[in-house]
Amino acid sequence: MNPLKKLAGQTAIYGLSTIVGRLLNYLLVPLYTYQFANPSDFGVITEFYAYTSFLNVVLTYGMETALFNFSAKRDDKPSVYSTALLSLGLTSGLFLAAAIWQSPSIAVQLRYPEHADYIVWVAWIIALDALTAIPFAKLREQQRPGRFALLKTLNILVNIGANLFLIGLCKWAHDHEAPAWLAWAGALYDPEIGIGYVFVANLIASAVTVMLLLPEFLQIRWPSLELWGKMLGYGLPLLIAGLAGMVNETLDRVLLKYLLPENAAMEQLGIYGACYKIAILMTIFIQAFRYAAEPFFFAHYKQADSKALYALVMNWFVIACSFIFLGVMLNLAWIQYFVGARYRAGLDVVPLLLMANLCLGVFFNLSIWYKLTEQTRFGTYLTLWGAAVTLALNLAWIPRMGYMGAAWATLVCYASMAAWSYLLGRRFYPVAYDLRRILGYPFLAAGLMFAAERIEGLSSWLELAAKNGILLAFAALTLLLEMPALRASRGSASSGVRP
């Protein structure tokens, strides 16, 4: 099979569960922002999930990528899997015990002295999710996207169901004069927990996922200490890179709380976090692509034409991201209603965050050069650079511009990381990327967005139709420009030459 088609197919399978699940999960944003009208409440969720993203990287410490690398190069795949799984099981258990023990003092440090329960629930979520990381990575390594997608979808559906029950039904019944037959639901809701029910729902979903992965957990065998040392040596540089990456991704949400006046910080954090969710389509696509692309890149690195394949993948990735950027921005007039009225003050961050995520996706594509050549230290250097940029710009811009400063810092960070990775890759693992396309399509999408903003004097429906006409024109132009290369790719595949 044409490897590009295979990658597209697996991306579609991973993406189907990710897109459908995330879109369903995205519907929780209106639930939260309408049920908890005060942006400060959503600020709590934004802050805690920033910590969760950071700690998930700590507790997996590069073992997922180590699993791909050593499974591709060794015959004893069961030993590789078992070693990685037991390693994460041990460290997750130690983390959970420490977090529960110190939960009261952690709650005080985070300014939630009356909610040590939040710390305990989030610690359980982090530990369980880290424990399931290796079974999910194994499914990807075995190219079993169907089971992976099914389990991920079930996780999201359980989380949604628990949220709808605890917040959608129980909170509504508590806050309103519910019929007598719903009085039991209102009695279950404790206003002291409030937004903390989001964590309870997530914990239920994580526990169910662990149970569903029991067949994978039962495949464990005796680990290898010698192999464990090698896997740590490979993975720990990725841990440092991952930590720096999480600084780039989440530090802004932490700093907003501490760099802004205390009476306004949580409200701005809530607004920023809610509007960040509007960029979800770009995030979903990039995540689905990454699930399929990382094992795909490793599987094809020995082919003589692998570099041409990587360049072709990059072109189509950028095209897809540019289309998503333009699609969201041209339809923002109705997409904005997915968040409550008090949250829409932050809509100006959406184009910046969409473009920042596009740059992050480009960086991920470019990063394959240091993973394939086992020079993962460069990943550390690049993400440390990004972390330094993120820290410096957030410290400079958040006090002056609030969440807009955080959004601009995110864009500059990811764009500079992609640029540096490209320059280093040309030296150590040169790939003939088409810069005209990589830069041209995003700039074209941004230009069309600014042109669409000049449309005036039409009814709301005609304006929406005109803007989506621009989106269709962008798609048509893309196909016109890319059709010759697409035909060449199909011709090569049919003649037995891999593009």
Protein backbone atom coordinates (compact mmCIF):
# COMPACT_ATOMS: atom_id res chain seq x y z
CA MET A 1 0.00 0.00 0.00
CA ASN A 2 1.11 3.55 -0.70
CA PRO A 3 2.66 4.59 2.66
CA LEU A 4 1.14 8.06 2.45
CA LYS A 5 -2.31 6.51 2.05
CA LYS A 6 -1.57 4.18 4.95
CA LEU A 7 -0.59 7.13 7.16
CA ALA A 8 -3.70 9.03 6.07
CA GLY A 9 -5.86 6.01 6.83
CA GLN A 10 -4.42 5.51 10.30
CA THR A 11 -4.63 9.24 10.99
CA ALA A 12 -8.30 9.05 10.00
CA ILE A 13 -8.92 6.16 12.42
CA TYR A 14 -7.06 7.81 15.27
CA GLY A 15 -8.66 11.08 14.29
CA LEU A 16 -12.17 9.66 14.14
CA SER A 17 -12.09 8.71 17.80
CA THR A 18 -10.14 11.82 18.71
CA ILE A 19 -12.27 14.20 16.67
CA VAL A 20 -15.64 12.69 17.55
CA GLY A 21 -14.63 12.24 21.18
CA ARG A 22 -13.04 15.64 21.54
CA LEU A 23 -15.92 17.36 19.81
CA LEU A 24 -18.29 15.65 22.21
CA ASN A 25 -15.95 16.60 25.04
CA TYR A 26 -15.84 20.11 23.62
CA LEU A 27 -19.58 20.31 24.21
CA LEU A 28 -18.71 20.27 27.90
CA VAL A 29 -17.28 23.78 27.52
CA PRO A 30 -20.77 25.30 27.10
CA LEU A 31 -21.90 23.17 30.05
CA TYR A 32 -19.14 24.56 32.25
CA THR A 33 -19.28 28.16 31.05
CA TYR A 34 -23.07 28.43 31.22
CA GLN A 35 -23.55 26.46 34.46
CA PHE A 36 -20.61 28.26 36.10
CA ALA A 37 -21.16 31.76 34.70
CA ASN A 38 -18.29 33.26 36.70
CA PRO A 39 -15.07 32.87 34.66
CA SER A 40 -13.15 32.41 37.93
CA ASP A 41 -14.71 28.96 38.29
CA PHE A 42 -13.47 27.87 34.88
CA GLY A 43 -10.12 29.35 35.85
CA VAL A 44 -9.80 26.59 38.46
CA ILE A 45 -10.20 23.93 35.76
CA THR A 46 -7.77 25.73 33.46
CA GLU A 47 -5.14 25.91 36.19
CA PHE A 48 -5.39 22.32 37.39
CA TYR A 49 -5.32 20.84 33.91
CA ALA A 50 -2.22 22.89 33.19
CA TYR A 51 -0.55 21.12 36.11
CA THR A 52 -1.94 17.79 34.88
CA SER A 53 -0.38 18.19 31.43
CA PHE A 54 2.98 18.98 33.02
CA LEU A 55 2.88 16.03 35.42
CA ASN A 56 1.77 13.59 32.73
CA VAL A 57 5.06 14.27 30.97
CA VAL A 58 6.98 13.80 34.21
CA LEU A 59 5.36 10.46 34.97
CA THR A 60 5.85 8.99 31.48
CA TYR A 61 9.44 10.33 31.14
CA GLY A 62 9.88 9.48 27.45
CA MET A 63 8.94 5.80 27.81
CA GLU A 64 6.36 5.90 25.03
CA THR A 65 8.91 6.98 22.42
CA ALA A 66 11.46 4.59 23.95
CA LEU A 67 8.94 1.79 23.43
CA PHE A 68 8.64 2.66 19.72
CA ASN A 69 12.40 2.92 19.29
CA PHE A 70 13.39 -0.32 21.05
CA SER A 71 10.46 -2.31 19.68
CA ALA A 72 11.55 -1.37 16.14
CA LYS A 73 15.17 -2.40 16.74
CA ARG A 74 14.90 -5.48 19.00
CA ASP A 75 13.29 -8.89 18.64
CA ASP A 76 12.22 -9.21 22.30
CA LYS A 77 9.22 -6.87 22.05
CA PRO A 78 7.39 -8.41 25.06
CA SER A 79 10.39 -7.60 27.23
CA VAL A 80 10.45 -4.00 25.96
CA TYR A 81 6.75 -3.60 26.74
CA SER A 82 6.95 -5.19 30.19
CA THR A 83 9.99 -3.17 31.21
CA ALA A 84 8.34 0.11 30.24
CA LEU A 85 5.02 -0.80 31.88
CA LEU A 86 6.51 -1.88 35.21
CA SER A 87 8.70 1.21 35.29
CA LEU A 88 5.70 3.52 34.92
CA GLY A 89 3.65 1.49 37.37
CA LEU A 90 6.30 1.91 40.07
CA THR A 91 6.79 5.64 39.58
CA SER A 92 3.04 6.33 39.32
CA GLY A 93 2.44 4.56 42.61
CA LEU A 94 5.15 6.54 44.36
CA PHE A 95 3.80 9.81 42.98
CA LEU A 96 0.25 9.03 44.10
CA ALA A 97 1.32 8.16 47.64
CA ALA A 98 3.34 11.37 47.97
CA ALA A 99 0.55 13.55 46.55
CA ILE A 100 -2.08 12.15 48.90
CA TRP A 101 0.26 12.52 51.89
CA GLN A 102 1.07 16.14 51.07
CA SER A 103 -2.35 17.16 49.71
CA PRO A 104 -3.23 19.61 52.55
CA SER A 105 0.01 21.57 52.20
CA ILE A 106 -0.16 21.52 48.39
CA ALA A 107 -3.70 22.92 48.56
CA VAL A 108 -2.49 25.79 50.75
CA GLN A 109 0.38 26.57 48.37
CA LEU A 110 -2.03 26.70 45.40
CA ARG A 111 -4.45 29.00 47.29
CA TYR A 112 -7.12 26.32 47.72
CA PRO A 113 -6.79 25.67 51.47
CA GLU A 114 -10.31 24.25 51.73
CA HIS A 115 -9.96 21.90 48.77
CA ALA A 116 -7.31 19.30 49.49
CA ASP A 117 -9.82 16.91 47.90
CA TYR A 118 -9.08 18.56 44.53
CA ILE A 119 -5.41 17.60 44.96
CA VAL A 120 -6.24 13.97 45.76
CA TRP A 121 -8.65 13.56 42.84
CA VAL A 122 -6.27 15.14 40.33
CA ALA A 123 -3.37 13.01 41.63
CA TRP A 124 -5.41 9.85 41.03
CA ILE A 125 -6.24 11.02 37.50
CA ILE A 126 -2.58 11.71 36.71
CA ALA A 127 -1.38 8.38 38.12
CA LEU A 128 -4.00 6.31 36.28
CA ASP A 129 -3.42 8.11 33.00
CA ALA A 130 0.34 7.56 33.28
CA LEU A 131 -0.25 3.88 33.97
CA THR A 132 -2.29 3.49 30.78
CA ALA A 133 0.21 5.36 28.59
CA ILE A 134 2.30 2.28 27.78
CA PRO A 135 -0.63 -0.03 26.85
CA PHE A 136 -1.92 2.70 24.54
CA ALA A 137 1.56 3.16 23.06
CA LYS A 138 1.76 -0.61 22.50
CA LEU A 139 -1.48 -0.51 20.52
CA ARG A 140 0.01 2.22 18.35
CA GLU A 141 3.25 0.29 17.90
CA GLN A 142 1.27 -2.79 16.84
CA GLN A 143 -0.69 -0.56 14.44
CA ARG A 144 -4.00 -1.44 16.06
CA PRO A 145 -5.74 1.93 15.71
CA GLY A 146 -9.19 0.33 15.96
CA ARG A 147 -8.83 -0.83 19.58
CA PHE A 148 -6.93 2.34 20.47
CA ALA A 149 -9.73 4.48 19.04
CA LEU A 150 -12.44 2.42 20.73
CA LEU A 151 -10.89 2.71 24.20
CA LYS A 152 -10.14 6.41 23.82
CA THR A 153 -13.70 7.04 22.70
CA LEU A 154 -15.15 5.07 25.61
CA ASN A 155 -12.99 7.08 28.00
CA ILE A 156 -14.35 10.33 26.62
CA LEU A 157 -17.95 9.08 26.58
CA VAL A 158 -17.74 8.00 30.22
CA ASN A 159 -16.26 11.38 31.13
CA ILE A 160 -19.02 13.20 29.25
CA GLY A 161 -21.73 11.05 30.82
CA ALA A 162 -20.40 11.65 34.32
CA ASN A 163 -20.20 15.43 33.69
CA LEU A 164 -23.73 15.56 32.30
CA PHE A 165 -25.01 13.67 35.32
CA LEU A 166 -23.08 15.49 38.05
CA ILE A 167 -23.14 19.03 36.62
CA GLY A 168 -25.83 18.99 33.98
CA LEU A 169 -28.47 17.16 36.03
CA CYS A 170 -27.53 17.22 39.71
CA LYS A 171 -26.35 20.84 39.80
CA TRP A 172 -29.34 21.98 37.77
CA ALA A 173 -31.72 20.11 40.08
CA HIS A 174 -29.98 21.65 43.11
CA ASP A 175 -30.02 25.22 41.77
CA HIS A 176 -33.58 25.18 40.41
CA GLU A 177 -36.97 24.09 41.60
CA ALA A 178 -36.71 20.65 40.07
CA PRO A 179 -39.73 18.33 39.94
CA ALA A 180 -40.18 16.08 42.95
CA TRP A 181 -39.05 13.05 41.01
CA LEU A 182 -35.65 14.75 40.48
CA ALA A 183 -35.19 15.80 44.10
CA TRP A 184 -32.74 12.93 44.65
CA ALA A 185 -30.43 14.38 41.96
CA GLY A 186 -30.36 17.79 43.64
CA ALA A 187 -29.61 16.14 46.97
CA LEU A 188 -26.53 14.46 45.47
CA TYR A 189 -24.97 17.79 44.51
CA ASP A 190 -22.70 19.44 47.05
CA PRO A 191 -22.11 23.15 46.28
CA GLU A 192 -18.93 23.04 48.37
CA ILE A 193 -17.40 20.80 45.70
CA GLY A 194 -18.72 22.97 42.86
CA ILE A 195 -16.41 22.94 39.85
CA GLY A 196 -14.55 20.04 41.49
CA TYR A 197 -17.15 17.68 40.01
CA VAL A 198 -15.20 18.03 36.76
CA PHE A 199 -12.34 16.18 38.48
CA VAL A 200 -14.68 13.54 39.89
CA ALA A 201 -16.05 12.83 36.40
CA ASN A 202 -12.55 12.61 34.94
CA LEU A 203 -11.46 10.21 37.69
CA ILE A 204 -14.39 7.91 36.97
CA ALA A 205 -13.44 7.84 33.27
CA SER A 206 -9.77 7.13 34.03
CA ALA A 207 -10.68 4.24 36.35
CA VAL A 208 -12.96 2.70 33.71
CA THR A 209 -10.16 2.94 31.12
CA VAL A 210 -7.77 1.05 33.39
CA MET A 211 -10.31 -1.75 33.68
CA LEU A 212 -10.85 -1.87 29.92
CA LEU A 213 -7.07 -2.20 29.38
CA LEU A 214 -6.80 -5.27 31.61
CA PRO A 215 -6.05 -7.57 28.61
CA GLU A 216 -3.01 -5.42 27.81
CA PHE A 217 -1.91 -5.32 31.45
CA LEU A 218 -2.11 -9.12 31.64
CA GLN A 219 0.43 -9.42 28.80
CA ILE A 220 3.20 -8.31 31.16
CA ARG A 221 6.32 -10.47 31.39
CA TRP A 222 9.54 -10.39 33.42
CA PRO A 223 11.37 -7.08 32.82
CA SER A 224 15.01 -6.61 31.90
CA LEU A 225 17.11 -4.35 34.13
CA GLU A 226 19.74 -4.00 31.41
CA LEU A 227 17.09 -2.96 28.90
CA TRP A 228 15.50 -0.65 31.47
CA GLY A 229 18.76 1.28 31.78
CA LYS A 230 18.98 1.71 28.03
CA MET A 231 15.36 2.81 27.76
CA LEU A 232 15.89 5.37 30.51
CA GLY A 233 18.99 6.64 28.74
CA TYR A 234 16.97 7.11 25.57
CA GLY A 235 13.86 8.49 27.24
CA LEU A 236 15.20 10.87 29.89
CA PRO A 237 16.43 13.47 27.39
CA LEU A 238 12.92 13.36 25.94
CA LEU A 239 11.59 13.92 29.47
CA ILE A 240 13.56 17.13 29.75
CA ALA A 241 12.34 18.12 26.31
CA GLY A 242 8.81 17.19 27.31
CA LEU A 243 9.00 19.25 30.47
CA ALA A 244 10.22 22.23 28.52
CA GLY A 245 7.44 21.57 26.03
CA MET A 246 4.85 21.62 28.79
CA VAL A 247 6.33 24.88 30.04
CA ASN A 248 5.68 26.22 26.55
CA GLU A 249 2.14 24.84 26.53
CA THR A 250 0.93 25.48 30.06
CA LEU A 251 3.12 28.05 31.82
CA ASP A 252 1.03 30.94 30.56
CA ARG A 253 -2.01 29.62 32.43
CA VAL A 254 -0.03 29.34 35.64
CA LEU A 255 1.61 32.75 35.29
CA LEU A 256 -1.68 34.50 34.55
CA LYS A 257 -2.76 33.63 38.07
CA TYR A 258 0.38 35.00 39.70
CA LEU A 259 1.35 37.92 37.45
CA LEU A 260 -2.04 39.64 37.39
CA PRO A 261 -3.79 41.36 40.30
CA GLU A 262 -5.35 38.72 42.53
CA ASN A 263 -8.85 40.19 42.21
CA ALA A 264 -8.81 39.79 38.40
CA ALA A 265 -6.40 36.90 37.80
CA MET A 266 -8.79 33.95 38.03
CA GLU A 267 -11.38 35.69 35.83
CA GLN A 268 -8.79 36.36 33.11
CA LEU A 269 -7.49 32.81 33.47
CA GLY A 270 -11.02 31.46 33.00
CA ILE A 271 -11.64 33.61 29.92
CA TYR A 272 -8.31 32.61 28.39
CA GLY A 273 -8.86 28.94 29.13
CA ALA A 274 -12.35 28.95 27.60
CA CYS A 275 -11.25 30.76 24.43
CA TYR A 276 -8.27 28.42 24.17
CA LYS A 277 -10.84 25.64 23.71
CA ILE A 278 -12.12 27.29 20.53
CA ALA A 279 -8.80 26.33 18.92
CA ILE A 280 -9.70 22.70 19.63
CA LEU A 281 -10.06 21.62 15.98
CA MET A 282 -6.40 22.37 15.28
CA THR A 283 -5.35 20.60 18.46
CA ILE A 284 -7.47 17.55 17.61
CA PHE A 285 -5.99 17.21 14.13
CA ILE A 286 -2.42 17.57 15.35
CA GLN A 287 -2.95 15.01 18.11
CA ALA A 288 -4.53 12.52 15.72
CA PHE A 289 -1.68 13.07 13.27
CA ARG A 290 0.93 12.55 15.96
CA TYR A 291 -0.60 9.27 17.09
CA ALA A 292 -0.24 7.89 13.57
CA ALA A 293 2.87 9.72 12.40
CA GLU A 294 5.42 8.84 15.08
CA PRO A 295 5.30 5.04 14.58
CA PHE A 296 4.89 5.67 10.83
CA PHE A 297 8.09 7.71 10.64
CA PHE A 298 10.04 5.06 12.56
CA ALA A 299 8.65 2.27 10.38
CA HIS A 300 9.82 3.93 7.13
CA TYR A 301 13.15 5.41 8.15
CA LYS A 302 15.17 2.62 6.44
CA GLN A 303 13.61 3.22 3.04
CA ALA A 304 15.78 4.93 0.45
CA ASP A 305 13.06 7.45 -0.35
CA SER A 306 12.04 8.15 3.25
CA LYS A 307 13.13 11.79 3.16
CA ALA A 308 10.98 12.50 0.12
CA LEU A 309 8.09 10.89 1.95
CA TYR A 310 8.65 13.06 5.04
CA ALA A 311 8.66 16.19 2.86
CA LEU A 312 5.41 15.15 1.20
CA VAL A 313 3.79 14.49 4.58
CA MET A 314 4.83 17.97 5.75
CA ASN A 315 3.23 19.65 2.73
CA TRP A 316 -0.15 18.05 3.28
CA PHE A 317 0.02 18.57 7.01
CA VAL A 318 0.48 22.32 6.56
CA ILE A 319 -2.32 22.44 3.99
CA ALA A 320 -4.71 20.69 6.38
CA CYS A 321 -3.79 22.98 9.28
CA SER A 322 -4.18 26.10 7.13
CA PHE A 323 -7.65 24.95 6.09
CA ILE A 324 -8.61 24.37 9.73
CA PHE A 325 -7.30 27.81 10.72
CA LEU A 326 -9.32 29.51 8.02
CA GLY A 327 -12.42 27.40 8.68
CA VAL A 328 -12.52 28.31 12.36
CA MET A 329 -11.85 32.00 11.84
CA LEU A 330 -14.41 32.41 9.06
CA ASN A 331 -17.07 30.74 11.22
CA LEU A 332 -16.21 32.41 14.52
CA ALA A 333 -19.48 34.37 14.40
CA TRP A 334 -21.39 31.25 15.48
CA ILE A 335 -18.59 29.22 17.08
CA GLN A 336 -18.29 31.91 19.78
CA TYR A 337 -21.59 30.83 21.32
CA PHE A 338 -19.97 27.65 22.58
CA VAL A 339 -18.74 29.70 25.52
CA GLY A 340 -20.81 31.80 27.89
CA ALA A 341 -21.30 35.51 27.30
CA ARG A 342 -18.78 36.64 29.93
CA TYR A 343 -16.08 34.49 28.34
CA ARG A 344 -16.30 35.98 24.82
CA ALA A 345 -14.20 38.98 25.76
CA GLY A 346 -11.14 36.86 24.93
CA LEU A 347 -11.97 35.88 21.33
CA ASP A 348 -9.05 37.91 19.99
CA VAL A 349 -6.66 35.21 21.21
CA VAL A 350 -8.19 32.56 18.91
CA PRO A 351 -6.27 33.32 15.65
CA LEU A 352 -3.01 33.61 17.56
CA LEU A 353 -3.52 30.26 19.29
CA LEU A 354 -4.60 28.53 16.08
CA MET A 355 -1.48 29.71 14.27
CA ALA A 356 0.67 28.82 17.28
CA ASN A 357 -0.64 25.26 17.17
CA LEU A 358 0.09 25.08 13.44
CA CYS A 359 3.70 26.03 14.20
CA LEU A 360 3.81 23.38 16.92
CA GLY A 361 2.65 20.76 14.42
CA VAL A 362 5.36 21.83 11.98
CA PHE A 363 7.90 21.51 14.78
CA PHE A 364 6.70 17.98 15.50
CA ASN A 365 7.17 17.03 11.84
CA LEU A 366 10.64 18.55 11.80
CA SER A 367 11.64 16.86 15.07
CA ILE A 368 11.79 13.47 13.42
CA TRP A 369 15.40 14.14 12.40
CA TYR A 370 16.77 14.00 15.94
CA LYS A 371 14.58 11.05 16.92
CA LEU A 372 15.64 8.94 13.94
CA THR A 373 19.32 9.78 14.40
CA GLU A 374 19.06 9.16 18.18
CA GLN A 375 20.28 12.69 18.90
CA THR A 376 17.42 13.38 21.24
CA ARG A 377 19.51 15.90 23.14
CA PHE A 378 18.67 18.38 20.37
CA GLY A 379 15.02 17.98 21.24
CA THR A 380 15.98 19.05 24.73
CA TYR A 381 17.93 22.05 23.47
CA LEU A 382 15.08 23.19 21.22
CA THR A 383 12.37 22.90 23.81
CA LEU A 384 14.57 24.53 26.44
CA TRP A 385 14.96 27.40 24.01
CA GLY A 386 11.18 27.51 23.67
CA ALA A 387 10.76 27.42 27.43
CA ALA A 388 13.16 30.35 27.83
CA VAL A 389 11.24 32.33 25.19
CA THR A 390 7.93 31.45 26.84
CA LEU A 391 9.09 32.47 30.28
CA ALA A 392 10.71 35.72 29.16
CA LEU A 393 7.81 36.86 26.98
CA ASN A 394 5.13 35.90 29.47
CA LEU A 395 6.92 37.74 32.25
CA ALA A 396 7.22 40.79 29.99
CA TRP A 397 3.82 40.75 28.30
CA ILE A 398 1.25 39.31 30.74
CA PRO A 399 1.49 42.22 33.21
CA ARG A 400 1.06 44.64 30.28
CA MET A 401 -1.42 42.82 28.02
CA GLY A 402 -3.01 40.10 30.17
CA TYR A 403 -4.04 36.98 28.29
CA MET A 404 -3.24 38.59 24.91
CA GLY A 405 0.38 38.69 26.00
CA ALA A 406 0.20 34.97 26.79
CA ALA A 407 -1.23 34.21 23.34
CA TRP A 408 1.45 36.21 21.53
CA ALA A 409 4.15 34.53 23.61
CA THR A 410 2.81 31.10 22.61
CA LEU A 411 2.93 31.98 18.90
CA VAL A 412 6.47 33.40 19.04
CA CYS A 413 7.67 30.41 21.05
CA TYR A 414 6.43 27.71 18.65
CA ALA A 415 7.41 29.63 15.51
CA SER A 416 10.97 30.08 16.77
CA MET A 417 11.26 26.41 17.77
CA ALA A 418 10.14 25.31 14.31
CA ALA A 419 12.66 27.66 12.67
CA TRP A 420 15.57 26.41 14.78
CA SER A 421 14.62 22.77 14.22
CA TYR A 422 14.54 23.32 10.48
CA LEU A 423 17.99 24.92 10.46
CA LEU A 424 19.54 22.17 12.61
CA GLY A 425 17.83 19.44 10.60
CA ARG A 426 19.42 20.75 7.40
CA ARG A 427 22.81 20.01 8.93
CA PHE A 428 22.22 16.64 10.60
CA TYR A 429 19.40 15.03 8.59
CA PRO A 430 18.61 17.16 5.55
CA VAL A 431 15.12 16.81 4.11
CA ALA A 432 14.08 18.82 1.05
CA TYR A 433 11.07 20.52 2.60
CA ASP A 434 9.19 22.89 0.30
CA LEU A 435 9.40 26.20 2.17
CA ARG A 436 7.20 27.98 -0.34
CA ARG A 437 4.32 25.71 0.61
CA ILE A 438 5.12 25.47 4.31
CA LEU A 439 5.15 29.26 4.63
CA GLY A 440 2.85 30.15 1.76
CA TYR A 441 -0.33 28.35 2.77
CA PRO A 442 -0.51 29.74 6.34
CA PHE A 443 0.17 33.26 5.06
CA LEU A 444 -2.48 32.83 2.39
CA ALA A 445 -4.98 31.62 5.01
CA ALA A 446 -4.18 34.60 7.26
CA GLY A 447 -4.54 37.01 4.33
CA LEU A 448 -7.93 35.57 3.41
CA MET A 449 -9.03 35.89 7.03
CA PHE A 450 -8.15 39.61 7.08
CA ALA A 451 -9.88 40.09 3.72
CA ALA A 452 -13.03 38.38 5.02
CA GLU A 453 -13.12 40.77 7.99
CA ARG A 454 -13.67 43.62 5.50
CA ILE A 455 -17.01 42.16 4.40
CA GLU A 456 -19.69 44.60 5.58
CA GLY A 457 -23.27 45.52 4.90
CA LEU A 458 -24.62 41.98 4.58
CA SER A 459 -27.06 40.12 6.76
CA SER A 460 -25.50 37.66 9.16
CA TRP A 461 -26.47 34.67 6.99
CA LEU A 462 -25.18 36.22 3.76
CA GLU A 463 -21.95 37.21 5.49
CA LEU A 464 -21.50 33.65 6.75
CA ALA A 465 -22.17 32.29 3.25
CA ALA A 466 -19.67 34.71 1.72
CA LYS A 467 -16.99 33.76 4.22
CA ASN A 468 -17.50 30.06 3.63
CA GLY A 469 -17.33 30.77 -0.08
CA ILE A 470 -13.83 32.11 0.59
CA LEU A 471 -13.05 28.88 2.46
CA LEU A 472 -14.19 26.80 -0.52
CA ALA A 473 -12.11 28.97 -2.83
CA PHE A 474 -9.05 28.29 -0.67
CA ALA A 475 -9.72 24.54 -0.89
CA ALA A 476 -10.19 24.70 -4.65
CA LEU A 477 -6.99 26.70 -5.13
CA THR A 478 -5.10 24.21 -2.97
CA LEU A 479 -6.28 21.28 -5.05
CA LEU A 480 -5.41 23.13 -8.26
CA LEU A 481 -1.88 23.81 -7.06
CA GLU A 482 -1.29 20.36 -5.58
CA MET A 483 -2.95 18.20 -8.23
CA PRO A 484 0.23 17.70 -10.33
CA ALA A 485 2.19 16.46 -7.30
CA LEU A 486 -0.75 14.32 -6.21
CA ARG A 487 -0.98 12.69 -9.64
CA ALA A 488 2.78 12.06 -9.60
CA SER A 489 2.49 10.43 -6.18
CA ARG A 490 -0.30 8.15 -7.37
CA GLY A 491 1.64 7.27 -10.49
CA SER A 492 4.71 6.33 -8.47
CA ALA A 493 2.61 4.14 -6.16
CA SER A 494 0.91 2.33 -9.05
CA SER A 495 4.25 1.60 -10.71
CA GLY A 496 5.65 0.15 -7.52
CA VAL A 497 7.73 3.18 -6.54
CA ARG A 498 6.99 4.56 -3.13
CA PRO A 499 6.59 8.34 -3.12
